[in-house]
Protein backbone atom coordinates (compact mmCIF):
# COMPACT_ATOMS: atom_id res chain seq x y z
CA MET A 1 128.77 -48.64 -61.31
CA PHE A 2 128.32 -45.15 -60.73
CA ILE A 3 126.17 -44.75 -63.87
CA TYR A 4 124.32 -47.74 -62.92
CA HIS A 5 123.90 -46.64 -59.60
CA ASN A 6 122.58 -43.33 -60.63
CA GLY A 7 120.19 -44.94 -62.98
CA ALA A 8 118.97 -47.35 -60.38
CA GLU A 9 118.73 -44.60 -57.99
CA LYS A 10 116.76 -42.60 -60.40
CA ASN A 11 114.50 -45.40 -60.95
CA LEU A 12 114.03 -45.72 -57.42
CA ASP A 13 113.27 -42.08 -56.99
CA MET A 14 110.66 -42.33 -59.77
CA THR A 15 109.20 -45.34 -58.06
CA ASN A 16 108.93 -43.43 -54.91
CA TYR A 17 107.72 -40.45 -56.66
CA SER A 18 105.01 -42.35 -58.24
CA LEU A 19 104.06 -44.09 -55.14
CA ILE A 20 103.82 -40.73 -53.56
CA ASN A 21 101.65 -39.45 -56.32
CA LEU A 22 99.52 -42.46 -56.30
CA PHE A 23 99.16 -42.12 -52.48
CA ASN A 24 98.44 -38.37 -52.93
CA TRP A 25 95.81 -39.12 -55.49
CA PHE A 26 94.30 -41.84 -53.49
CA TYR A 27 94.40 -39.51 -50.49
CA ASN A 28 92.68 -36.72 -52.67
CA ILE A 29 90.20 -39.26 -53.92
CA GLN A 30 89.31 -40.21 -50.41
CA ASN A 31 89.06 -36.57 -49.38
CA ILE A 32 86.82 -35.92 -52.35
CA ILE A 33 84.72 -38.82 -51.61
CA ALA A 34 84.51 -37.84 -48.02
CA ILE A 35 83.60 -34.42 -48.96
CA ASN A 36 81.01 -35.59 -51.36
CA VAL A 37 79.64 -37.91 -48.85
CA LEU A 38 79.37 -35.23 -46.39
CA ILE A 39 77.78 -32.96 -48.99
CA ILE A 40 75.33 -35.71 -49.79
CA ILE A 41 74.57 -36.22 -46.00
CA PHE A 42 74.14 -32.46 -45.58
CA VAL A 43 72.08 -32.32 -48.61
CA LEU A 44 70.02 -35.24 -47.44
CA ILE A 45 69.68 -33.67 -44.09
CA ALA A 46 68.61 -30.51 -45.68
CA ILE A 47 66.05 -32.42 -47.84
CA LEU A 48 64.73 -34.02 -44.85
CA PHE A 49 64.66 -30.97 -42.81
CA LEU A 50 62.90 -29.25 -45.80
CA ILE A 51 60.36 -32.14 -46.07
CA TYR A 52 59.74 -31.92 -42.31
CA THR A 53 59.55 -28.13 -42.48
CA LEU A 54 57.16 -28.31 -45.36
CA LYS A 55 54.99 -31.05 -43.73
CA LYS A 56 54.85 -28.82 -40.53
CA GLU A 57 53.98 -25.78 -42.79
CA ILE A 58 51.30 -27.74 -44.47
CA LYS A 59 49.89 -29.02 -41.24
CA LEU A 60 50.04 -25.43 -39.73
CA ARG A 61 48.34 -24.10 -42.81
CA GLN A 62 45.79 -26.76 -42.55
CA GLU A 63 45.30 -26.07 -38.96
CA ILE A 64 45.01 -22.27 -39.69
CA ASP A 65 42.58 -22.93 -42.62
CA ARG A 66 40.72 -25.20 -40.24
CA ARG A 67 40.49 -22.52 -37.55
CA ARG A 68 39.84 -19.93 -40.16
CA LYS A 69 36.83 -21.98 -41.33
CA ILE A 70 35.60 -22.46 -37.86
CA ALA A 71 35.80 -18.63 -37.27
CA GLU A 72 34.31 -17.87 -40.51
CA ASP A 73 31.60 -20.25 -39.77
CA ALA A 74 31.15 -18.83 -36.38
CA LEU A 75 31.26 -15.27 -37.63
CA GLN A 76 28.65 -16.34 -40.43
CA GLU A 77 26.66 -17.86 -37.68
CA SER A 78 26.90 -14.78 -35.41
CA GLU A 79 26.10 -12.46 -38.49
CA ASN A 80 22.99 -14.69 -39.29
CA ARG A 81 21.99 -14.45 -35.62
CA TYR A 82 22.60 -10.81 -35.45
CA ARG A 83 20.74 -10.23 -38.79
CA LYS A 84 17.85 -12.37 -37.50
CA ILE A 85 17.83 -10.22 -34.30
CA VAL A 86 18.14 -6.90 -36.16
CA GLU A 87 15.55 -7.90 -38.81
CA ASN A 88 13.06 -9.13 -36.21
CA GLN A 89 13.68 -6.30 -33.85
CA THR A 90 10.46 -4.43 -33.12
CA ASP A 91 12.42 -1.36 -32.41
CA PHE A 92 13.46 0.61 -35.28
CA LEU A 93 17.09 0.53 -36.43
CA LEU A 94 18.55 3.28 -38.82
CA HIS A 95 22.10 4.09 -39.94
CA SER A 96 22.51 7.39 -41.66
CA LEU A 97 25.42 9.71 -42.97
CA PRO A 98 25.94 13.01 -41.01
CA ASP A 99 23.77 14.74 -43.60
CA THR A 100 20.98 12.21 -42.63
CA THR A 101 21.17 10.22 -45.77
CA ILE A 102 19.92 6.79 -44.88
CA THR A 103 22.46 3.92 -45.44
CA TYR A 104 20.40 1.18 -43.55
CA ALA A 105 17.07 0.55 -41.99
CA ASN A 106 15.85 -2.65 -40.44
CA ARG A 107 12.59 -4.48 -41.46
CA SER A 108 10.45 -3.03 -38.66
CA LEU A 109 11.25 0.68 -39.87
CA CYS A 110 10.61 -0.25 -43.47
CA GLU A 111 7.29 -1.90 -42.70
CA ALA A 112 6.23 0.96 -40.46
CA LEU A 113 6.82 3.39 -43.36
CA GLY A 114 5.53 1.02 -46.00
CA VAL A 115 8.83 1.06 -48.13
CA THR A 116 11.41 -1.51 -48.95
CA LEU A 117 15.08 -1.11 -47.91
CA ASN A 118 15.98 -0.29 -51.56
CA GLN A 119 13.47 2.56 -51.47
CA ILE A 120 14.68 3.96 -48.05
CA VAL A 121 18.38 3.72 -48.59
CA GLY A 122 19.79 6.87 -49.99
CA LYS A 123 16.79 8.98 -48.79
CA LYS A 124 17.01 11.50 -46.14
CA TRP A 125 15.06 11.87 -42.85
CA LEU A 126 13.06 14.75 -44.43
CA ASP A 127 11.69 12.36 -46.97
CA PHE A 128 9.89 10.49 -44.12
CA ALA A 129 9.72 12.44 -41.01
CA ASN A 130 7.80 15.62 -40.24
CA ARG A 131 9.89 18.79 -41.31
CA GLU A 132 8.59 20.84 -38.31
CA ASP A 133 9.89 18.28 -35.89
CA LEU A 134 13.25 17.92 -37.52
CA GLU A 135 13.88 21.66 -37.94
CA LYS A 136 12.74 22.38 -34.58
CA ASP A 137 15.13 20.25 -32.58
CA VAL A 138 16.98 17.37 -34.51
CA PHE A 139 19.08 19.36 -36.92
CA GLN A 140 20.54 21.47 -34.12
CA GLU A 141 21.24 18.42 -32.09
CA ILE A 142 23.20 16.84 -34.84
CA LEU A 143 25.46 19.89 -35.18
CA LYS A 144 26.07 19.73 -31.44
CA LEU A 145 27.47 16.11 -31.60
CA THR A 146 31.06 15.70 -30.32
CA PRO A 147 33.13 12.64 -29.32
CA ASP A 148 32.62 13.61 -25.72
CA LEU A 149 28.93 14.19 -26.30
CA PRO A 150 27.84 11.67 -28.98
CA ASN A 151 24.21 11.15 -28.00
CA PHE A 152 20.91 13.02 -28.32
CA VAL A 153 17.30 11.99 -27.84
CA ALA A 154 14.56 13.28 -30.30
CA GLU A 155 10.80 12.60 -31.24
CA ASN A 156 9.16 13.19 -34.35
CA ARG A 157 6.10 12.46 -36.33
CA ASP A 158 6.20 10.40 -39.46
CA GLN A 159 3.92 9.24 -42.22
CA ARG A 160 3.01 5.56 -41.73
CA SER A 161 2.09 2.84 -44.12
CA ASN A 162 -1.54 2.89 -43.28
CA GLY A 163 -1.61 6.82 -43.98
CA GLU A 164 -1.75 7.85 -40.52
CA ILE A 165 0.58 9.97 -38.51
CA GLY A 166 2.94 8.14 -36.13
CA TRP A 167 5.26 9.02 -33.53
CA THR A 168 8.84 7.78 -32.87
CA HIS A 169 11.18 8.25 -30.10
CA TRP A 170 14.85 8.11 -31.21
CA LEU A 171 18.04 7.50 -29.22
CA ASN A 172 20.82 8.67 -31.72
CA GLN A 173 24.47 7.83 -31.42
CA GLY A 174 27.24 9.77 -33.31
CA ILE A 175 30.10 7.65 -34.65
CA PHE A 176 33.34 9.44 -35.07
CA ASN A 177 36.70 8.61 -36.77
CA GLU A 178 40.15 9.02 -35.42
CA HIS A 179 40.19 12.64 -36.39
CA GLY A 180 37.06 13.26 -34.35
CA GLU A 181 34.99 13.77 -37.44
CA LEU A 182 31.32 12.61 -37.44
CA VAL A 183 31.08 9.87 -39.97
CA GLU A 184 27.70 8.09 -39.18
CA ILE A 185 24.65 8.39 -37.14
CA GLN A 186 23.15 5.17 -35.75
CA SER A 187 19.91 5.48 -34.28
CA VAL A 188 17.37 3.19 -32.41
CA GLY A 189 13.70 4.17 -32.48
CA ARG A 190 10.62 3.10 -30.60
CA ASP A 191 7.14 3.44 -31.87
CA ILE A 192 5.40 5.63 -29.20
CA THR A 193 2.24 6.41 -31.35
CA HIS A 194 -0.01 4.84 -28.77
CA LEU A 195 1.66 6.73 -25.82
CA LYS A 196 1.44 9.88 -27.74
CA LEU A 197 -2.06 9.54 -28.52
CA VAL A 198 -2.86 8.80 -24.77
CA GLU A 199 -0.77 11.77 -23.90
CA ILE A 200 -2.52 14.04 -26.37
CA ALA A 201 -5.98 12.78 -25.11
CA LEU A 202 -4.80 13.29 -21.53
CA ARG A 203 -3.64 16.74 -22.28
CA HIS A 204 -6.88 17.59 -23.90
CA ASN A 205 -8.73 16.21 -20.88
CA GLU A 206 -6.62 18.21 -18.67
CA GLU A 207 -7.31 21.34 -20.57
CA ARG A 208 -11.05 20.50 -20.61
CA LEU A 209 -10.81 19.84 -16.87
CA ARG A 210 -8.89 23.07 -16.31
CA LEU A 211 -11.52 25.11 -18.12
CA VAL A 212 -14.20 23.30 -16.08
CA THR A 213 -12.46 23.75 -12.72
CA GLU A 214 -11.57 27.36 -13.46
CA ASN A 215 -15.17 28.35 -14.49
CA MET A 216 -17.09 26.08 -12.12
CA ARG A 217 -18.84 27.62 -9.13
CA ASP A 218 -18.27 24.45 -7.00
CA LEU A 219 -15.20 24.34 -4.80
CA VAL A 220 -13.14 21.17 -5.42
CA CYS A 221 -10.14 20.57 -3.18
CA LEU A 222 -7.60 18.00 -2.40
CA HIS A 223 -6.54 17.49 1.39
CA GLU A 224 -4.18 15.62 3.38
CA ILE A 225 -5.76 13.35 5.96
CA ASN A 226 -5.63 15.93 8.65
CA GLY A 227 -7.65 18.32 6.41
CA LYS A 228 -4.76 20.47 5.09
CA TYR A 229 -5.33 21.89 1.66
CA LEU A 230 -3.05 20.45 -1.06
CA TYR A 231 -5.09 21.67 -4.14
CA VAL A 232 -7.81 24.32 -4.54
CA THR A 233 -9.87 25.23 -7.63
CA PRO A 234 -9.98 28.92 -8.58
CA SER A 235 -13.62 29.07 -7.55
CA SER A 236 -12.34 29.62 -3.92
CA GLN A 237 -12.05 33.35 -4.88
CA PHE A 238 -15.69 33.52 -5.92
CA LEU A 239 -17.00 31.35 -3.08
CA LEU A 240 -14.83 32.62 -0.16
CA GLY A 241 -12.90 35.43 -1.43
CA TYR A 242 -9.57 33.56 -0.96
CA HIS A 243 -7.02 33.00 -3.68
CA PRO A 244 -6.10 29.17 -4.12
CA GLU A 245 -2.61 29.99 -2.85
CA GLU A 246 -3.94 31.48 0.30
CA LEU A 247 -5.55 28.21 1.34
CA MET A 248 -2.74 25.96 0.41
CA GLY A 249 -1.15 24.43 3.42
CA GLN A 250 -4.02 25.71 5.72
CA ASN A 251 -6.22 23.28 7.57
CA LEU A 252 -10.06 23.17 6.94
CA GLU A 253 -10.62 23.55 10.90
CA SER A 254 -9.16 27.08 10.82
CA PHE A 255 -12.03 28.30 8.73
CA LEU A 256 -14.96 26.52 10.58
CA HIS A 257 -17.79 28.20 12.52
CA GLU A 258 -17.15 27.30 16.27
CA ASN A 259 -20.79 25.69 16.43
CA ASP A 260 -20.02 23.48 13.48
CA TYR A 261 -16.46 22.56 14.53
CA LEU A 262 -17.15 19.31 16.55
CA HIS A 263 -19.85 18.24 13.80
CA VAL A 264 -17.30 18.38 11.09
CA LEU A 265 -14.47 16.53 12.97
CA GLN A 266 -16.94 13.75 13.88
CA LYS A 267 -17.83 13.38 10.40
CA LEU A 268 -14.16 13.28 9.23
CA SER A 269 -13.62 10.49 11.96
CA LEU A 270 -16.21 8.48 10.12
CA LEU A 271 -14.59 8.49 6.65
CA SER A 272 -13.37 4.82 6.91
CA ASN A 273 -17.14 4.04 6.45
CA LEU A 274 -17.68 4.57 2.67
CA GLU A 275 -21.36 5.09 3.15
CA ALA A 276 -20.65 7.84 5.68
CA SER A 277 -18.15 9.42 3.42
CA LEU A 278 -20.85 9.80 0.59
CA MET A 279 -23.16 11.74 3.04
CA PRO A 280 -23.29 15.51 2.54
CA LEU A 281 -21.70 17.58 5.28
CA VAL A 282 -23.29 21.02 5.81
CA TYR A 283 -21.33 23.49 7.85
CA ARG A 284 -20.39 27.14 7.83
CA MET A 285 -17.00 28.37 6.66
CA ARG A 286 -15.48 31.75 7.20
CA LYS A 287 -14.89 34.04 4.14
CA LYS A 288 -12.08 36.44 3.71
CA THR A 289 -14.57 39.12 4.68
CA GLY A 290 -15.17 37.50 8.18
CA ASP A 291 -18.63 36.39 7.11
CA TYR A 292 -19.68 32.90 7.03
CA VAL A 293 -21.12 30.97 4.14
CA TRP A 294 -23.04 27.85 4.23
CA LEU A 295 -21.32 25.00 2.37
CA GLU A 296 -22.71 21.47 1.47
CA THR A 297 -19.43 19.22 1.00
CA LEU A 298 -19.21 15.73 -0.33
CA ILE A 299 -15.93 14.17 1.02
CA GLN A 300 -14.40 11.26 -0.80
CA PRO A 301 -11.58 9.30 0.63
CA ILE A 302 -8.63 8.43 -1.84
CA LEU A 303 -6.99 5.04 -1.07
CA ASN A 304 -3.46 3.91 -1.82
CA LYS A 305 -2.36 0.42 -2.99
CA GLU A 306 -2.75 -0.93 0.54
CA GLY A 307 -6.19 0.16 0.70
CA GLU A 308 -5.54 2.82 3.27
CA ILE A 309 -6.74 6.31 3.05
CA SER A 310 -4.01 8.51 1.74
CA HIS A 311 -5.95 11.64 0.72
CA LEU A 312 -9.28 13.33 0.91
CA GLN A 313 -11.26 14.93 -2.13
CA SER A 314 -13.95 17.42 -1.44
CA THR A 315 -16.56 19.02 -3.46
CA SER A 316 -18.29 21.93 -1.98
CA ARG A 317 -21.03 24.32 -3.12
CA ASP A 318 -22.62 27.37 -1.70
CA VAL A 319 -26.02 26.39 0.00
CA SER A 320 -26.49 29.64 1.89
CA GLU A 321 -29.81 30.49 0.17
CA ARG A 322 -31.11 27.08 0.68
CA ILE A 323 -30.10 26.93 4.25
CA LEU A 324 -31.63 30.36 4.75
CA MET A 325 -34.73 29.25 2.98
CA GLU A 326 -34.93 26.13 5.02
CA GLN A 327 -34.31 28.06 8.23
CA LYS A 328 -37.22 30.43 7.25
CA LEU A 329 -39.51 27.55 6.42
CA LYS A 330 -38.62 25.85 9.56
CA HIS A 331 -39.31 28.97 11.50
CA ASP A 332 -42.49 29.82 9.67
CA ALA A 333 -43.52 26.13 10.48
CA LEU A 334 -42.83 26.68 14.18
CA TYR A 335 -43.55 30.42 14.72
CA ASP A 336 -46.37 32.73 14.36
CA SER A 337 -45.63 35.27 11.46
CA LEU A 338 -47.46 38.07 13.22
CA THR A 339 -46.05 38.05 16.75
CA GLY A 340 -42.88 35.97 16.44
CA LEU A 341 -44.12 33.60 19.18
CA GLY A 342 -44.22 29.92 18.91
CA ASN A 343 -47.21 28.48 16.96
CA ARG A 344 -49.25 25.28 17.69
CA THR A 345 -46.82 23.00 15.99
CA LEU A 346 -43.83 24.15 18.31
CA LEU A 347 -46.35 24.18 21.44
CA ILE A 348 -47.22 20.46 20.67
CA ASN A 349 -43.60 19.45 20.26
CA ARG A 350 -42.50 21.18 23.38
CA LEU A 351 -45.43 19.64 25.27
CA GLU A 352 -44.61 16.08 24.13
CA GLN A 353 -40.97 16.34 24.97
CA THR A 354 -41.76 17.73 28.42
CA LEU A 355 -44.29 14.96 28.92
CA LYS A 356 -41.74 12.17 28.05
CA GLN A 357 -39.40 13.73 30.69
CA ILE A 358 -42.04 13.73 33.27
CA LYS A 359 -42.82 10.13 32.56
CA ARG A 360 -39.03 9.28 33.05
CA SER A 361 -39.01 11.29 36.52
CA SER A 362 -41.93 11.44 38.67
CA MET A 363 -40.49 14.39 40.36
CA LEU A 364 -40.82 16.71 37.51
CA ALA A 365 -44.03 18.54 36.68
CA MET A 366 -45.16 21.57 34.37
CA ALA A 367 -48.02 24.01 34.06
CA VAL A 368 -49.92 25.21 30.98
CA LEU A 369 -51.72 28.55 30.86
CA PHE A 370 -54.29 29.13 28.29
CA LEU A 371 -55.11 32.87 27.80
CA ASP A 372 -57.84 34.45 25.83
CA LEU A 373 -58.09 38.23 25.43
CA ASP A 374 -61.46 39.78 26.81
CA ASN A 375 -63.44 41.64 24.19
CA PHE A 376 -60.72 41.39 21.55
CA LYS A 377 -63.23 41.06 18.87
CA PHE A 378 -64.74 44.38 19.83
CA ILE A 379 -61.42 46.13 19.68
CA ASN A 380 -60.60 44.60 16.29
CA ASP A 381 -63.82 45.47 14.72
CA SER A 382 -63.95 48.99 16.02
CA LEU A 383 -60.38 50.16 15.47
CA GLY A 384 -59.53 47.94 12.63
CA HIS A 385 -57.49 44.98 11.91
CA LEU A 386 -54.20 46.90 11.85
CA ILE A 387 -54.65 48.27 15.31
CA GLY A 388 -55.62 44.72 16.44
CA ASP A 389 -52.48 43.15 14.87
CA LYS A 390 -50.43 45.91 16.69
CA LEU A 391 -52.15 45.21 19.94
CA LEU A 392 -51.38 41.51 19.61
CA LYS A 393 -47.71 42.17 18.94
CA VAL A 394 -47.54 44.35 22.07
CA ILE A 395 -49.23 41.64 24.18
CA ALA A 396 -46.70 39.27 22.91
CA THR A 397 -43.97 41.23 24.09
CA LYS A 398 -45.59 41.67 27.51
CA LEU A 399 -46.15 38.09 27.87
CA ILE A 400 -42.42 37.06 27.21
CA LYS A 401 -41.36 39.56 29.75
CA CYS A 402 -43.77 37.89 32.32
CA VAL A 403 -42.12 34.41 32.15
CA ARG A 404 -38.75 32.76 32.44
CA GLU A 405 -36.35 32.12 29.44
CA VAL A 406 -37.02 28.27 29.84
CA ASP A 407 -40.76 28.87 29.26
CA LEU A 408 -42.70 28.95 25.98
CA VAL A 409 -45.13 31.43 25.03
CA ALA A 410 -47.14 30.41 21.83
CA ARG A 411 -50.01 31.99 19.87
CA LEU A 412 -52.66 29.31 18.82
CA GLY A 413 -54.29 32.01 16.49
CA GLY A 414 -56.54 34.84 16.92
CA ASP A 415 -56.24 36.29 20.39
CA GLU A 416 -55.51 32.87 22.08
CA PHE A 417 -52.07 32.34 23.72
CA VAL A 418 -50.71 29.20 25.61
CA ILE A 419 -47.79 29.44 28.03
CA LEU A 420 -45.70 26.32 28.96
CA LEU A 421 -44.08 26.64 32.37
CA GLU A 422 -41.51 23.88 32.62
CA LYS A 423 -40.16 22.44 35.92
CA ILE A 424 -43.19 23.71 37.90
CA ASN A 425 -43.99 21.37 40.82
CA ARG A 426 -46.51 23.52 42.73
CA VAL A 427 -49.56 25.25 41.43
CA ASP A 428 -48.84 28.34 43.37
CA GLU A 429 -45.63 29.00 41.13
CA ALA A 430 -48.13 28.96 38.27
CA ILE A 431 -50.59 31.17 39.90
CA CYS A 432 -47.63 33.77 40.63
CA ILE A 433 -46.87 33.98 36.91
CA ALA A 434 -50.64 34.30 36.10
CA SER A 435 -51.04 36.98 38.56
CA ARG A 436 -48.00 38.80 37.08
CA ILE A 437 -49.55 38.71 33.47
CA LEU A 438 -52.97 39.86 34.77
CA ASN A 439 -51.23 42.76 36.53
CA THR A 440 -48.94 43.59 33.41
CA LEU A 441 -52.10 43.71 31.18
CA ALA A 442 -54.27 45.60 33.47
CA THR A 443 -52.46 48.94 32.44
CA SER A 444 -53.28 50.63 29.35
CA ILE A 445 -51.59 50.05 26.00
CA VAL A 446 -51.04 53.03 23.59
CA ILE A 447 -51.17 52.18 19.86
CA ASP A 448 -51.14 54.93 17.28
CA ASP A 449 -52.04 57.71 19.84
CA ARG A 450 -55.02 55.46 21.02
CA GLU A 451 -55.04 54.21 24.69
CA ILE A 452 -56.42 50.61 24.79
CA PHE A 453 -57.45 48.68 27.84
CA VAL A 454 -57.44 45.07 27.54
CA THR A 455 -57.90 42.15 29.97
CA THR A 456 -57.31 38.40 29.65
CA SER A 457 -58.80 35.25 31.08
CA ILE A 458 -56.32 32.54 32.10
CA GLY A 459 -56.96 28.87 32.54
CA ILE A 460 -54.19 26.80 34.39
CA VAL A 461 -53.60 23.19 34.45
CA LEU A 462 -50.75 21.32 36.17
CA GLY A 463 -49.30 18.75 34.01
CA ASN A 464 -48.04 15.41 35.55
CA HIS A 465 -47.27 11.83 34.56
CA TYR A 466 -51.10 11.06 34.20
CA TYR A 467 -51.11 12.93 30.94
CA ASP A 468 -50.13 11.08 27.77
CA HIS A 469 -50.68 13.61 24.97
CA ALA A 470 -50.04 17.27 24.53
CA GLU A 471 -53.74 17.87 23.23
CA GLU A 472 -55.05 16.63 26.69
CA LEU A 473 -53.01 19.36 28.41
CA ILE A 474 -54.42 22.13 25.97
CA ARG A 475 -57.79 20.86 26.22
CA ASP A 476 -57.84 20.96 30.03
CA ALA A 477 -56.27 24.46 30.13
CA ASP A 478 -58.82 25.61 27.53
CA LEU A 479 -61.58 24.41 29.82
CA ALA A 480 -60.09 26.07 32.88
CA MET A 481 -59.92 29.36 30.78
CA TYR A 482 -63.66 29.30 29.98
CA GLN A 483 -64.17 28.71 33.75
CA ALA A 484 -62.22 31.95 34.37
CA LYS A 485 -64.36 33.82 31.70
CA SER A 486 -67.42 32.55 33.43
CA GLN A 487 -66.15 33.96 36.73
CA GLY A 488 -66.22 37.45 35.34
CA LYS A 489 -63.08 37.70 32.96
CA GLY A 490 -59.75 39.32 33.89
CA CYS A 491 -58.98 36.45 36.25
CA TYR A 492 -57.50 32.88 36.31
CA ALA A 493 -59.07 29.45 37.07
CA ILE A 494 -57.34 26.28 37.87
CA LEU A 495 -58.54 22.78 36.62
């Protein structure tokens, strides 16, 4: 039994062991399956995540590519626009290395110089621009460029495609790297040929004008409205003795003759009338020596944009000789050349003026005395014309002393004299003066050691409003004088 028992027990143990092993195997198989399932799940999840990530990456790359394409298109469009702007820019664009080797030039510059882009790239500024202009300023300015002062402006001449010389105004910008080294010069130029030609022509005109103004005898001035000198040509030294700087800031009025002061001011007040401004103004101006010179001046107003007078321009010339000649001619036309007394013309003018005054006022009157020397022809023939002329001069002086300052003594010719007594209302006033003349001439006159006695016959007529013309008064006074001669000479007669 014991053996059996042990064998059965052993079989039971074996059975239990087998079951345990089977259970363990099954358990292990389950674990393996579970692990494999988990692995498969993880792999699937990883694959799904990878697929998701790849899809997302693909979409991201597609979006990036799309955006890059948009950016590239926009950049290309911007470049095209910029290129069109640059190529169609009328200003000149130029890129150069620091040694002025050209790396780019736009179409406008190439066309102006008559070259293509390929022909200009690699060339230097000296191949196109004027050497004198570059060596004078430009090269020195390039050497002065710094990151703090990267700009400079220059002008130079260049040879244009049409064979003519052109002018260009350049604005140059230095480009520096991170080490502060100049790596490029970018330049923008503008064709200023027309402006330069105008400037040159203006400079030539100014030079010609300067030569004219410095050598002209006329005085050309610019004034403020009040007459103050702003500009004076050098001719002021010749004309007035003043250096131009001595007149600057001075007023015209300070140099005027006192008798011309009001006349000039009245003329200046009429400058708003263009016709009046073109009329010549004649006046006396004081020279540095203190003497006065006669000037004839044309004053032209200068208008601003509003049409208002802002300045005055005057042109003056010395007319002293002309004025003196005119004064002499006027004097000769009105005064006797021998005695200096008024002549017939002056007498007629004064008589006519006095008659007009009498016509306007019946209270006024005048007297006319007609004098004729007695036996003057005998004296003239016997002693000679020279003595006769001297005698007439002495008598003229004596007659002037016998009348008032307002009265006029005139010589009609030969030995005939006429005296106009103004504001004489009674005939006895005229008689008093006639008597004075007779008494004065009653004394002898000594000429060249010769004692000469001379008398005169005087005709008196009282002028009033019944007379219309001067000749009527002279006629009646002449008739009265002949009455005096018929009475025995050396006396007066009243008509």
